[in-house]
Every structure is written in structure tokens, then in C-alpha cells.
Amino acid sequence: MLSALMLAAACWAPTAMAAAPGTDLLRSLETALNSGSAGSVAALLKAGDGIDPADLEARYRSLRTRFPDARWQITPGDSLKDGRSTVRISVSGTSQVGAFLYRLQAEQLLALSIRDGRLDGQELISENATLRSGSTDLPVSVLIPDAVLTGQRYDVDVVFDDPLDGAVAAGGIVAVSEEQIRSFQSPDLELTALGGGGVFKVVQAPQQPGSQTWAVLLVHPDGIVSTTKRVRVVGNRDALTP
């Protein structure tokens, strides 16, 4: 269940073409996302490369069901090397599961495109989501690169910032497929006792450009931290920095 809630953070990802959205459209998008009306969100979308308004509407409904008080914020991001502007879309919310309250914080950096006054594409630059339980926000560091080269071996580490001081903690890490993300499937994640204050894994990027998404679960006496991060896999060094 934890992983399913965590993966729900990837529901909003409305592939970049020519024109970028203006301030008014972004303000309308933020208002629609926060209205709770899936129809209002779908009205700002246009079918195109990477955009399926019906699919995004369904995924938006699913996230609002899991996090009824979800709130979105849209702010300008840094320009890309090719001059395109970006937007940063953040969402936060809470979910009650039995006796436990979970707090979500997720963020995407996107290069959006428009056609006929509506969003019709995106390029996803970065994406991460964190879900927490417990009365305090356990501080953790997510040491996972934003981008790697094809075939590269790299570290996937998520660690508690504070010493365990004798506390017994467990954790696990697993790759998440695109299908699992799109359908909110919970991946099988095996927990093991932590001896070094976090989870540490050396992985290898695929041989073809694309992306990898990692899910990490940390269980501590003071709460649970579940985080996902997407890693871009690129074919040359110039593409490591978008």
C-alpha cells in the first residue's frame, strides 16, 4: 500500500514542441489542479505527442482519491541549454490509511508545450516523490543522480541524516517500471535490516537512452520514509545537463 501511494505522485505529467505556455495558462492550470475538478484539468489539455487527456484525467482522479487535500503549486524553473523555459510543478497532500497518516511531497520539472491555447506536450526533466508517516519528518538524503550515461554503473543511496543511535531500522530498494507507475501498481520490495543508516546499491543503466525509476522504503521506529526518483539515461555527456 505504501508503494502504491508513493507511485501515485507520478499521476500529473501533462512532450515538448514549439510554443511554451504563458503565465495566464499556467495560473489556470494551477487553479484547475487545486479545484478538485478533473474536467477543469482536462479542458486545458489537447491530445498530442505524449498527451492523452482522458488518461491524465483518470490519473488525476486517482490521485485526488488517495490524497483528497492535495495542493499543487506551479513556479517557473531555470531555462534549458537550448533556451526553452521550464516549469516546476509541486504537489503535497495527506492520506489516512487505517490509523496512519501519510504525507506526500512530489515535484516535477517540465518543459511544456502548447497548441491552440492548450497544453499538448511535455519533456520531463526530473521527477521525485517522498511519502512520510510518523509525528516527525525524518530527515533523509536522496543520493541518486538526475541523469546518467547509457550502460553506466552508478550509486543509488538513500540515508538517514541523523545517527540511528541504536534504533533498529530496515530498508529496501527496487526498480519501478513505467507500467507500474501508470497503473499505480505496488512493486515487490524486500526489506532488510540496516547496518549503515540507509540503503546503498550500485546499479547499471540500460544500454539505450530512456529512464529508470527507483523506489526506496526506509522503516524507522519514528516513522516510515518512502521515496521515488526518476533517472534520465542519455547517450552522450552533453545531454547530462539539459
C-alpha atoms as a PDB file:
ATOM      1  CA  MET A   1       0.000   0.000   0.000  1.00  0.00           C
ATOM      2  CA  LEU A   2       2.849   2.367   0.828  1.00  0.00           C
ATOM      3  CA  SER A   3       4.404   1.908  -2.571  1.00  0.00           C
ATOM      4  CA  ALA A   4       1.069   2.386  -4.321  1.00  0.00           C
ATOM      5  CA  LEU A   5       0.568   5.706  -2.543  1.00  0.00           C
ATOM      6  CA  MET A   6       4.109   6.741  -3.361  1.00  0.00           C
ATOM      7  CA  LEU A   7       3.713   5.927  -7.051  1.00  0.00           C
ATOM      8  CA  ALA A   8       0.517   7.945  -7.208  1.00  0.00           C
ATOM      9  CA  ALA A   9       2.682  11.064  -7.128  1.00  0.00           C
ATOM     10  CA  ALA A  10       3.567  10.487 -10.781  1.00  0.00           C
ATOM     11  CA  CYS A  11      -0.020  10.993 -11.920  1.00  0.00           C
ATOM     12  CA  TRP A  12       0.428  14.507 -13.313  1.00  0.00           C
ATOM     13  CA  ALA A  13       2.838  14.609 -16.241  1.00  0.00           C
ATOM     14  CA  PRO A  14       0.904  16.506 -18.913  1.00  0.00           C
ATOM     15  CA  THR A  15       6.414  16.245 -24.931  1.00  0.00           C
ATOM     16  CA  ALA A  16       7.791  19.477 -25.772  1.00  0.00           C
ATOM     17  CA  MET A  17       7.107  21.075 -29.150  1.00  0.00           C
ATOM     18  CA  ALA A  18       7.377  24.731 -30.098  1.00  0.00           C
ATOM     19  CA  ALA A  19       5.464  27.254 -28.041  1.00  0.00           C
ATOM     20  CA  ALA A  20       5.770  27.445 -24.260  1.00  0.00           C
ATOM     21  CA  PRO A  21       2.742  28.206 -22.040  1.00  0.00           C
ATOM     22  CA  GLY A  22       2.318  31.746 -20.788  1.00  0.00           C
ATOM     23  CA  THR A  23       1.706  32.964 -17.269  1.00  0.00           C
ATOM     24  CA  ASP A  24      -2.080  33.030 -17.647  1.00  0.00           C
ATOM     25  CA  LEU A  25      -2.260  29.418 -18.825  1.00  0.00           C
ATOM     26  CA  LEU A  26      -0.002  28.227 -16.008  1.00  0.00           C
ATOM     27  CA  ARG A  27      -2.139  30.100 -13.499  1.00  0.00           C
ATOM     28  CA  SER A  28      -5.244  28.460 -14.961  1.00  0.00           C
ATOM     29  CA  LEU A  29      -3.569  25.066 -14.727  1.00  0.00           C
ATOM     30  CA  GLU A  30      -2.705  25.578 -11.071  1.00  0.00           C
ATOM     31  CA  THR A  31      -6.256  26.707 -10.323  1.00  0.00           C
ATOM     32  CA  ALA A  32      -7.735  23.697 -12.150  1.00  0.00           C
ATOM     33  CA  LEU A  33      -5.472  21.237 -10.349  1.00  0.00           C
ATOM     34  CA  ASN A  34      -6.430  22.691  -6.978  1.00  0.00           C
ATOM     35  CA  SER A  35     -10.147  22.843  -7.794  1.00  0.00           C
ATOM     36  CA  GLY A  36     -10.636  19.091  -7.472  1.00  0.00           C
ATOM     37  CA  SER A  37     -12.387  19.068 -10.861  1.00  0.00           C
ATOM     38  CA  ALA A  38     -10.866  16.559 -13.270  1.00  0.00           C
ATOM     39  CA  GLY A  39     -12.896  18.112 -16.063  1.00  0.00           C
ATOM     40  CA  SER A  40     -11.296  21.507 -15.452  1.00  0.00           C
ATOM     41  CA  VAL A  41      -7.852  19.926 -15.801  1.00  0.00           C
ATOM     42  CA  ALA A  42      -8.811  18.016 -18.961  1.00  0.00           C
ATOM     43  CA  ALA A  43     -10.161  21.225 -20.519  1.00  0.00           C
ATOM     44  CA  LEU A  44      -6.628  22.660 -20.552  1.00  0.00           C
ATOM     45  CA  LEU A  45      -5.181  19.649 -22.380  1.00  0.00           C
ATOM     46  CA  LYS A  46      -5.092  18.787 -26.069  1.00  0.00           C
ATOM     47  CA  ALA A  47      -4.345  15.342 -27.478  1.00  0.00           C
ATOM     48  CA  GLY A  48      -0.887  15.234 -28.996  1.00  0.00           C
ATOM     49  CA  ASP A  49       2.544  13.740 -28.686  1.00  0.00           C
ATOM     50  CA  GLY A  50       2.614  12.273 -25.178  1.00  0.00           C
ATOM     51  CA  ILE A  51      -0.726  13.792 -24.144  1.00  0.00           C
ATOM     52  CA  ASP A  52      -3.882  11.732 -23.626  1.00  0.00           C
ATOM     53  CA  PRO A  53      -6.400  13.990 -21.836  1.00  0.00           C
ATOM     54  CA  ALA A  54      -8.673  11.086 -20.859  1.00  0.00           C
ATOM     55  CA  ASP A  55      -5.780   9.144 -19.348  1.00  0.00           C
ATOM     56  CA  LEU A  56      -4.477  12.157 -17.434  1.00  0.00           C
ATOM     57  CA  GLU A  57      -7.972  12.948 -16.193  1.00  0.00           C
ATOM     58  CA  ALA A  58      -8.306   9.395 -14.827  1.00  0.00           C
ATOM     59  CA  ARG A  59      -4.915   9.565 -13.143  1.00  0.00           C
ATOM     60  CA  TYR A  60      -5.771  12.932 -11.620  1.00  0.00           C
ATOM     61  CA  ARG A  61      -8.981  11.465 -10.169  1.00  0.00           C
ATOM     62  CA  SER A  62      -6.997   8.552  -8.751  1.00  0.00           C
ATOM     63  CA  LEU A  63      -4.513  10.827  -7.005  1.00  0.00           C
ATOM     64  CA  ARG A  64      -7.289  13.008  -5.573  1.00  0.00           C
ATOM     65  CA  THR A  65      -8.947   9.856  -4.224  1.00  0.00           C
ATOM     66  CA  ARG A  66      -5.736   8.858  -2.447  1.00  0.00           C
ATOM     67  CA  PHE A  67      -4.880  12.408  -1.338  1.00  0.00           C
ATOM     68  CA  PRO A  68      -8.165  14.358  -1.049  1.00  0.00           C
ATOM     69  CA  ASP A  69      -6.435  17.508   0.195  1.00  0.00           C
ATOM     70  CA  ALA A  70      -3.720  17.515  -2.491  1.00  0.00           C
ATOM     71  CA  ARG A  71      -2.469  21.002  -3.355  1.00  0.00           C
ATOM     72  CA  TRP A  72      -0.446  21.936  -6.434  1.00  0.00           C
ATOM     73  CA  GLN A  73       1.955  24.819  -6.931  1.00  0.00           C
ATOM     74  CA  ILE A  74       3.421  25.838 -10.297  1.00  0.00           C
ATOM     75  CA  THR A  75       6.510  28.063 -10.450  1.00  0.00           C
ATOM     76  CA  PRO A  76       8.979  28.986 -13.226  1.00  0.00           C
ATOM     77  CA  GLY A  77      12.126  26.871 -13.480  1.00  0.00           C
ATOM     78  CA  ASP A  78      15.541  27.551 -14.994  1.00  0.00           C
ATOM     79  CA  SER A  79      15.859  27.704 -18.769  1.00  0.00           C
ATOM     80  CA  LEU A  80      17.339  24.714 -20.571  1.00  0.00           C
ATOM     81  CA  LYS A  81      20.547  24.901 -22.610  1.00  0.00           C
ATOM     82  CA  ASP A  82      18.504  25.152 -25.801  1.00  0.00           C
ATOM     83  CA  GLY A  83      16.694  28.197 -24.438  1.00  0.00           C
ATOM     84  CA  ARG A  84      13.381  26.560 -23.611  1.00  0.00           C
ATOM     85  CA  SER A  85      11.710  27.607 -20.379  1.00  0.00           C
ATOM     86  CA  THR A  86      10.685  25.109 -17.729  1.00  0.00           C
ATOM     87  CA  VAL A  87       8.062  24.948 -15.006  1.00  0.00           C
ATOM     88  CA  ARG A  88       8.254  23.287 -11.638  1.00  0.00           C
ATOM     89  CA  ILE A  89       5.078  21.510 -10.543  1.00  0.00           C
ATOM     90  CA  SER A  90       4.900  20.559  -6.855  1.00  0.00           C
ATOM     91  CA  VAL A  91       2.128  18.653  -5.113  1.00  0.00           C
ATOM     92  CA  SER A  92       1.623  17.944  -1.431  1.00  0.00           C
ATOM     93  CA  GLY A  93      -1.139  16.150   0.420  1.00  0.00           C
ATOM     94  CA  THR A  94      -2.070  13.686   3.127  1.00  0.00           C
ATOM     95  CA  SER A  95      -3.677  10.249   3.131  1.00  0.00           C
ATOM     96  CA  GLN A  96      -5.217   8.380   6.052  1.00  0.00           C
ATOM     97  CA  VAL A  97      -4.642   4.622   5.866  1.00  0.00           C
ATOM     98  CA  GLY A  98      -6.112   2.953   8.930  1.00  0.00           C
ATOM     99  CA  ALA A  99      -4.505   4.516  11.973  1.00  0.00           C
ATOM    100  CA  PHE A 100      -1.646   6.003   9.965  1.00  0.00           C
ATOM    101  CA  LEU A 101      -1.438   9.420   8.325  1.00  0.00           C
ATOM    102  CA  TYR A 102       0.903   9.686   5.350  1.00  0.00           C
ATOM    103  CA  ARG A 103       2.282  12.959   3.979  1.00  0.00           C
ATOM    104  CA  LEU A 104       3.175  13.301   0.319  1.00  0.00           C
ATOM    105  CA  GLN A 105       5.586  15.764  -1.282  1.00  0.00           C
ATOM    106  CA  ALA A 106       6.328  15.369  -5.007  1.00  0.00           C
ATOM    107  CA  GLU A 107       7.893  17.537  -7.686  1.00  0.00           C
ATOM    108  CA  GLN A 108       8.414  17.526 -11.432  1.00  0.00           C
ATOM    109  CA  LEU A 109      10.455  19.830 -13.639  1.00  0.00           C
ATOM    110  CA  LEU A 110       8.875  20.026 -17.087  1.00  0.00           C
ATOM    111  CA  ALA A 111       9.299  21.737 -20.429  1.00  0.00           C
ATOM    112  CA  LEU A 112       5.683  22.138 -21.559  1.00  0.00           C
ATOM    113  CA  SER A 113       4.331  22.990 -24.990  1.00  0.00           C
ATOM    114  CA  ILE A 114       1.013  24.412 -26.197  1.00  0.00           C
ATOM    115  CA  ARG A 115      -1.141  24.284 -29.291  1.00  0.00           C
ATOM    116  CA  ASP A 116      -4.349  26.241 -29.819  1.00  0.00           C
ATOM    117  CA  GLY A 117      -4.099  27.615 -26.305  1.00  0.00           C
ATOM    118  CA  ARG A 118      -3.947  24.240 -24.563  1.00  0.00           C
ATOM    119  CA  LEU A 119      -1.133  22.037 -23.287  1.00  0.00           C
ATOM    120  CA  ASP A 120      -0.271  19.343 -25.809  1.00  0.00           C
ATOM    121  CA  GLY A 121       3.132  18.015 -24.741  1.00  0.00           C
ATOM    122  CA  GLN A 122       5.974  17.862 -22.293  1.00  0.00           C
ATOM    123  CA  GLU A 123       9.574  16.895 -21.764  1.00  0.00           C
ATOM    124  CA  LEU A 124      10.090  15.530 -18.287  1.00  0.00           C
ATOM    125  CA  ILE A 125      13.397  16.859 -16.957  1.00  0.00           C
ATOM    126  CA  SER A 126      13.293  15.481 -13.407  1.00  0.00           C
ATOM    127  CA  GLU A 127      10.836  13.855 -11.036  1.00  0.00           C
ATOM    128  CA  ASN A 128      10.822  12.741  -7.410  1.00  0.00           C
ATOM    129  CA  ALA A 129       8.287  11.959  -4.710  1.00  0.00           C
ATOM    130  CA  THR A 130       8.511  11.306  -0.982  1.00  0.00           C
ATOM    131  CA  LEU A 131       5.910   9.835   1.359  1.00  0.00           C
ATOM    132  CA  ARG A 132       6.300  10.004   5.145  1.00  0.00           C
ATOM    133  CA  SER A 133       4.493   8.743   8.223  1.00  0.00           C
ATOM    134  CA  GLY A 134       5.038   9.407  11.909  1.00  0.00           C
ATOM    135  CA  SER A 135       4.819  12.518  14.019  1.00  0.00           C
ATOM    136  CA  THR A 136       8.128  13.958  12.767  1.00  0.00           C
ATOM    137  CA  ASP A 137       9.659  14.343   9.326  1.00  0.00           C
ATOM    138  CA  LEU A 138      12.682  12.079   9.495  1.00  0.00           C
ATOM    139  CA  PRO A 139      15.439  13.880   7.549  1.00  0.00           C
ATOM    140  CA  VAL A 140      16.923  11.782   4.743  1.00  0.00           C
ATOM    141  CA  SER A 141      19.317  12.437   1.869  1.00  0.00           C
ATOM    142  CA  VAL A 142      18.445  11.021  -1.556  1.00  0.00           C
ATOM    143  CA  LEU A 143      21.815  10.495  -3.258  1.00  0.00           C
ATOM    144  CA  ILE A 144      20.616   9.464  -6.702  1.00  0.00           C
ATOM    145  CA  PRO A 145      21.825  11.282  -9.842  1.00  0.00           C
ATOM    146  CA  ASP A 146      19.386  13.133 -12.090  1.00  0.00           C
ATOM    147  CA  ALA A 147      20.977  11.725 -15.253  1.00  0.00           C
ATOM    148  CA  VAL A 148      23.497   9.027 -16.225  1.00  0.00           C
ATOM    149  CA  LEU A 149      25.058   7.708 -19.428  1.00  0.00           C
ATOM    150  CA  THR A 150      23.829   4.564 -21.152  1.00  0.00           C
ATOM    151  CA  GLY A 151      25.469   1.479 -19.641  1.00  0.00           C
ATOM    152  CA  GLN A 152      26.945   3.484 -16.751  1.00  0.00           C
ATOM    153  CA  ARG A 153      27.225   1.979 -13.284  1.00  0.00           C
ATOM    154  CA  TYR A 154      26.070   4.397 -10.593  1.00  0.00           C
ATOM    155  CA  ASP A 155      25.102   4.573  -6.929  1.00  0.00           C
ATOM    156  CA  VAL A 156      21.530   4.630  -5.659  1.00  0.00           C
ATOM    157  CA  ASP A 157      21.752   5.636  -1.985  1.00  0.00           C
ATOM    158  CA  VAL A 158      19.148   6.961   0.455  1.00  0.00           C
ATOM    159  CA  VAL A 159      20.336   7.574   4.017  1.00  0.00           C
ATOM    160  CA  PHE A 160      19.040   8.902   7.313  1.00  0.00           C
ATOM    161  CA  ASP A 161      20.695  12.250   8.027  1.00  0.00           C
ATOM    162  CA  ASP A 162      20.718  11.681  11.797  1.00  0.00           C
ATOM    163  CA  PRO A 163      22.568   8.789  13.512  1.00  0.00           C
ATOM    164  CA  LEU A 164      20.416   5.784  14.343  1.00  0.00           C
ATOM    165  CA  ASP A 165      21.698   5.804  17.956  1.00  0.00           C
ATOM    166  CA  GLY A 166      20.812   2.165  18.476  1.00  0.00           C
ATOM    167  CA  ALA A 167      17.441   2.335  16.711  1.00  0.00           C
ATOM    168  CA  VAL A 168      16.556  -0.716  14.641  1.00  0.00           C
ATOM    169  CA  ALA A 169      15.771   0.299  11.048  1.00  0.00           C
ATOM    170  CA  ALA A 170      15.081  -1.566   7.832  1.00  0.00           C
ATOM    171  CA  GLY A 171      15.027  -0.643   4.187  1.00  0.00           C
ATOM    172  CA  GLY A 172      14.866  -1.793   0.605  1.00  0.00           C
ATOM    173  CA  ILE A 173      15.212  -0.543  -2.945  1.00  0.00           C
ATOM    174  CA  VAL A 174      13.724  -1.709  -6.235  1.00  0.00           C
ATOM    175  CA  ALA A 175      13.390  -0.529  -9.829  1.00  0.00           C
ATOM    176  CA  VAL A 176       9.888   0.534 -10.859  1.00  0.00           C
ATOM    177  CA  SER A 177       8.572   0.020 -14.385  1.00  0.00           C
ATOM    178  CA  GLU A 178       6.623   2.572 -16.404  1.00  0.00           C
ATOM    179  CA  GLU A 179       3.608   0.271 -16.329  1.00  0.00           C
ATOM    180  CA  GLN A 180       3.705   0.123 -12.530  1.00  0.00           C
ATOM    181  CA  ILE A 181       3.816   3.906 -12.365  1.00  0.00           C
ATOM    182  CA  ARG A 182       0.962   4.398 -14.803  1.00  0.00           C
ATOM    183  CA  SER A 183      -1.296   1.824 -13.153  1.00  0.00           C
ATOM    184  CA  PHE A 184      -0.293   2.599  -9.530  1.00  0.00           C
ATOM    185  CA  GLN A 185       0.920  -0.971  -9.015  1.00  0.00           C
ATOM    186  CA  SER A 186       2.861  -1.570  -5.819  1.00  0.00           C
ATOM    187  CA  PRO A 187       6.283  -3.121  -6.553  1.00  0.00           C
ATOM    188  CA  ASP A 188       7.580  -6.049  -4.528  1.00  0.00           C
ATOM    189  CA  LEU A 189      10.139  -4.579  -2.154  1.00  0.00           C
ATOM    190  CA  GLU A 190      12.129  -6.777   0.225  1.00  0.00           C
ATOM    191  CA  LEU A 191      13.194  -5.116   3.479  1.00  0.00           C
ATOM    192  CA  THR A 192      16.485  -5.907   5.192  1.00  0.00           C
ATOM    193  CA  ALA A 193      17.983  -4.643   8.441  1.00  0.00           C
ATOM    194  CA  LEU A 194      20.096  -1.526   8.005  1.00  0.00           C
ATOM    195  CA  GLY A 195      23.601  -1.523   9.370  1.00  0.00           C
ATOM    196  CA  GLY A 196      24.840   1.730   7.857  1.00  0.00           C
ATOM    197  CA  GLY A 197      21.972   4.130   8.343  1.00  0.00           C
ATOM    198  CA  GLY A 198      20.480   3.803   4.876  1.00  0.00           C
ATOM    199  CA  VAL A 199      20.183   1.749   1.719  1.00  0.00           C
ATOM    200  CA  PHE A 200      23.086   1.587  -0.721  1.00  0.00           C
ATOM    201  CA  LYS A 201      23.093  -0.062  -4.133  1.00  0.00           C
ATOM    202  CA  VAL A 202      25.280   0.034  -7.245  1.00  0.00           C
ATOM    203  CA  VAL A 203      23.178  -0.339 -10.391  1.00  0.00           C
ATOM    204  CA  GLN A 204      23.709  -0.204 -14.141  1.00  0.00           C
ATOM    205  CA  ALA A 205      21.868   1.970 -16.616  1.00  0.00           C
ATOM    206  CA  PRO A 206      20.323   0.329 -19.686  1.00  0.00           C
ATOM    207  CA  GLN A 207      22.178   0.385 -22.992  1.00  0.00           C
ATOM    208  CA  GLN A 208      19.534   2.546 -24.675  1.00  0.00           C
ATOM    209  CA  PRO A 209      18.536   6.126 -23.755  1.00  0.00           C
ATOM    210  CA  GLY A 210      15.404   6.477 -21.688  1.00  0.00           C
ATOM    211  CA  SER A 211      14.893   6.500 -17.947  1.00  0.00           C
ATOM    212  CA  GLN A 212      14.965   4.399 -14.793  1.00  0.00           C
ATOM    213  CA  THR A 213      12.791   4.951 -11.734  1.00  0.00           C
ATOM    214  CA  TRP A 214      13.841   3.741  -8.288  1.00  0.00           C
ATOM    215  CA  ALA A 215      11.636   3.195  -5.238  1.00  0.00           C
ATOM    216  CA  VAL A 216      13.190   3.196  -1.759  1.00  0.00           C
ATOM    217  CA  LEU A 217      11.489   2.369   1.540  1.00  0.00           C
ATOM    218  CA  LEU A 218      13.034   3.156   4.930  1.00  0.00           C
ATOM    219  CA  VAL A 219      11.355   1.929   8.130  1.00  0.00           C
ATOM    220  CA  HIS A 220      12.382   3.587  11.406  1.00  0.00           C
ATOM    221  CA  PRO A 221      10.826   3.414  14.909  1.00  0.00           C
ATOM    222  CA  ASP A 222       9.835   7.074  14.492  1.00  0.00           C
ATOM    223  CA  GLY A 223       8.179   6.633  11.105  1.00  0.00           C
ATOM    224  CA  ILE A 224       8.405   5.487   7.511  1.00  0.00           C
ATOM    225  CA  VAL A 225      10.001   7.267   4.560  1.00  0.00           C
ATOM    226  CA  SER A 226       9.200   6.110   1.054  1.00  0.00           C
ATOM    227  CA  THR A 227      10.747   7.893  -1.917  1.00  0.00           C
ATOM    228  CA  THR A 228      10.906   7.503  -5.686  1.00  0.00           C
ATOM    229  CA  LYS A 229      13.169   9.188  -8.190  1.00  0.00           C
ATOM    230  CA  ARG A 230      13.390   9.052 -11.963  1.00  0.00           C
ATOM    231  CA  VAL A 231      16.879   8.993 -13.525  1.00  0.00           C
ATOM    232  CA  ARG A 232      17.308  10.132 -17.125  1.00  0.00           C
ATOM    233  CA  VAL A 233      19.502   7.802 -19.223  1.00  0.00           C
ATOM    234  CA  VAL A 234      21.249   9.664 -22.048  1.00  0.00           C
ATOM    235  CA  GLY A 235      23.591   8.695 -24.867  1.00  0.00           C
ATOM    236  CA  ASN A 236      26.230  11.445 -24.570  1.00  0.00           C
ATOM    237  CA  ARG A 237      27.774  13.658 -21.905  1.00  0.00           C
ATOM    238  CA  ASP A 238      26.367  16.866 -23.340  1.00  0.00           C
ATOM    239  CA  ALA A 239      22.864  15.618 -22.536  1.00  0.00           C
ATOM    240  CA  LEU A 240      23.625  15.008 -18.859  1.00  0.00           C
ATOM    241  CA  THR A 241      22.799  18.682 -18.211  1.00  0.00           C
ATOM    242  CA  PRO A 242      19.564  19.533 -20.047  1.00  0.00           C
END
